[in-house]
Amino acid sequence: MRSFYHYMMRFRGNKQQDHEKQLADWMFEDHSFPKQSTSYHEVSDYLEWNAPFPEALRVFDRVWESYQMEEQE
């Protein structure tokens, strides 16, 4: 299973500036982000303490569902 960070990097190339791209760009630039994690709780806890923008946790929850669905295939 690939890490959530690896999954999120697909959003960095978006031409449209949306919340997914904003979160992915922040994750890329944050050297302390748990980049190898596949754990919801580890990533969620990190974001709760270090949220880069107000909607970050909501975006994370939404994208996490997509990540889980894709990784189960």
C-alpha atoms as a PDB file:
ATOM      1  CA  MET A   1       0.000   0.000   0.000  1.00  0.00           C
ATOM      2  CA  ARG A   2       1.401   3.378  -0.944  1.00  0.00           C
ATOM      3  CA  SER A   3       1.422   6.186   1.573  1.00  0.00           C
ATOM      4  CA  PHE A   4      -1.234   8.865   1.766  1.00  0.00           C
ATOM      5  CA  TYR A   5       1.429  11.440   0.932  1.00  0.00           C
ATOM      6  CA  HIS A   6       2.261   9.597  -2.296  1.00  0.00           C
ATOM      7  CA  TYR A   7      -1.443   9.479  -3.182  1.00  0.00           C
ATOM      8  CA  MET A   8      -1.807  13.229  -2.573  1.00  0.00           C
ATOM      9  CA  MET A   9       1.053  14.159  -4.881  1.00  0.00           C
ATOM     10  CA  ARG A  10      -1.299  13.599  -7.841  1.00  0.00           C
ATOM     11  CA  PHE A  11      -3.010  16.885  -6.917  1.00  0.00           C
ATOM     12  CA  ARG A  12       0.158  19.009  -7.105  1.00  0.00           C
ATOM     13  CA  GLY A  13      -0.039  19.290 -10.879  1.00  0.00           C
ATOM     14  CA  ASN A  14      -3.568  20.700 -10.942  1.00  0.00           C
ATOM     15  CA  LYS A  15      -3.788  23.912 -12.904  1.00  0.00           C
ATOM     16  CA  GLN A  16      -6.833  24.979 -10.933  1.00  0.00           C
ATOM     17  CA  GLN A  17      -6.051  26.154  -7.409  1.00  0.00           C
ATOM     18  CA  ASP A  18      -8.372  24.075  -5.220  1.00  0.00           C
ATOM     19  CA  HIS A  19      -8.202  22.779  -1.660  1.00  0.00           C
ATOM     20  CA  GLU A  20      -6.778  19.404  -2.701  1.00  0.00           C
ATOM     21  CA  LYS A  21      -3.900  21.119  -4.525  1.00  0.00           C
ATOM     22  CA  GLN A  22      -3.389  23.492  -1.615  1.00  0.00           C
ATOM     23  CA  LEU A  23      -3.148  20.573   0.832  1.00  0.00           C
ATOM     24  CA  ALA A  24      -0.844  18.578  -1.448  1.00  0.00           C
ATOM     25  CA  ASP A  25       1.482  21.558  -1.948  1.00  0.00           C
ATOM     26  CA  TRP A  26       1.620  22.149   1.792  1.00  0.00           C
ATOM     27  CA  MET A  27       2.357  18.465   2.468  1.00  0.00           C
ATOM     28  CA  PHE A  28       5.180  18.564  -0.083  1.00  0.00           C
ATOM     29  CA  GLU A  29       6.768  21.611   1.545  1.00  0.00           C
ATOM     30  CA  ASP A  30       6.314  20.440   5.165  1.00  0.00           C
ATOM     31  CA  HIS A  31       9.411  18.402   5.970  1.00  0.00           C
ATOM     32  CA  SER A  32       7.837  17.083   9.186  1.00  0.00           C
ATOM     33  CA  PHE A  33       4.737  15.641   7.536  1.00  0.00           C
ATOM     34  CA  PRO A  34       4.512  11.828   8.080  1.00  0.00           C
ATOM     35  CA  LYS A  35       5.243  11.039   4.429  1.00  0.00           C
ATOM     36  CA  GLN A  36       5.443   7.257   4.822  1.00  0.00           C
ATOM     37  CA  SER A  37       2.205   6.907   6.776  1.00  0.00           C
ATOM     38  CA  THR A  38      -0.785   4.839   5.722  1.00  0.00           C
ATOM     39  CA  SER A  39      -2.516   5.454   9.067  1.00  0.00           C
ATOM     40  CA  TYR A  40      -5.606   7.658   9.180  1.00  0.00           C
ATOM     41  CA  HIS A  41      -4.987   8.528  12.819  1.00  0.00           C
ATOM     42  CA  GLU A  42      -1.356   9.481  12.347  1.00  0.00           C
ATOM     43  CA  VAL A  43      -2.101  11.826   9.436  1.00  0.00           C
ATOM     44  CA  SER A  44      -5.280  13.193  11.020  1.00  0.00           C
ATOM     45  CA  ASP A  45      -3.521  13.926  14.326  1.00  0.00           C
ATOM     46  CA  TYR A  46      -0.704  15.675  12.492  1.00  0.00           C
ATOM     47  CA  LEU A  47      -3.168  17.828  10.562  1.00  0.00           C
ATOM     48  CA  GLU A  48      -5.131  18.688  13.695  1.00  0.00           C
ATOM     49  CA  TRP A  49      -1.994  20.215  15.199  1.00  0.00           C
ATOM     50  CA  ASN A  50      -0.590  21.710  12.003  1.00  0.00           C
ATOM     51  CA  ALA A  51      -3.571  22.510   9.748  1.00  0.00           C
ATOM     52  CA  PRO A  52      -2.360  24.823   6.982  1.00  0.00           C
ATOM     53  CA  PHE A  53      -5.820  26.327   6.298  1.00  0.00           C
ATOM     54  CA  PRO A  54      -9.263  26.137   7.944  1.00  0.00           C
ATOM     55  CA  GLU A  55     -10.763  23.541   5.563  1.00  0.00           C
ATOM     56  CA  ALA A  56      -7.729  21.221   5.658  1.00  0.00           C
ATOM     57  CA  LEU A  57      -9.273  18.561   7.909  1.00  0.00           C
ATOM     58  CA  ARG A  58     -12.482  18.464   5.898  1.00  0.00           C
ATOM     59  CA  VAL A  59     -10.473  18.106   2.667  1.00  0.00           C
ATOM     60  CA  PHE A  60      -8.349  15.394   4.277  1.00  0.00           C
ATOM     61  CA  ASP A  61     -11.398  13.368   5.336  1.00  0.00           C
ATOM     62  CA  ARG A  62     -12.887  13.579   1.852  1.00  0.00           C
ATOM     63  CA  VAL A  63      -9.657  12.660   0.068  1.00  0.00           C
ATOM     64  CA  TRP A  64      -8.879   9.891   2.577  1.00  0.00           C
ATOM     65  CA  GLU A  65     -12.051   8.075   1.483  1.00  0.00           C
ATOM     66  CA  SER A  66     -10.884   8.186  -2.148  1.00  0.00           C
ATOM     67  CA  TYR A  67      -7.425   7.024  -1.090  1.00  0.00           C
ATOM     68  CA  GLN A  68      -8.876   4.045   0.790  1.00  0.00           C
ATOM     69  CA  MET A  69     -11.138   3.059  -2.112  1.00  0.00           C
ATOM     70  CA  GLU A  70      -8.287   3.212  -4.621  1.00  0.00           C
ATOM     71  CA  GLU A  71      -5.837   1.325  -2.423  1.00  0.00           C
ATOM     72  CA  GLN A  72      -8.326  -1.527  -1.893  1.00  0.00           C
ATOM     73  CA  GLU A  73      -8.558  -2.223  -5.621  1.00  0.00           C
END
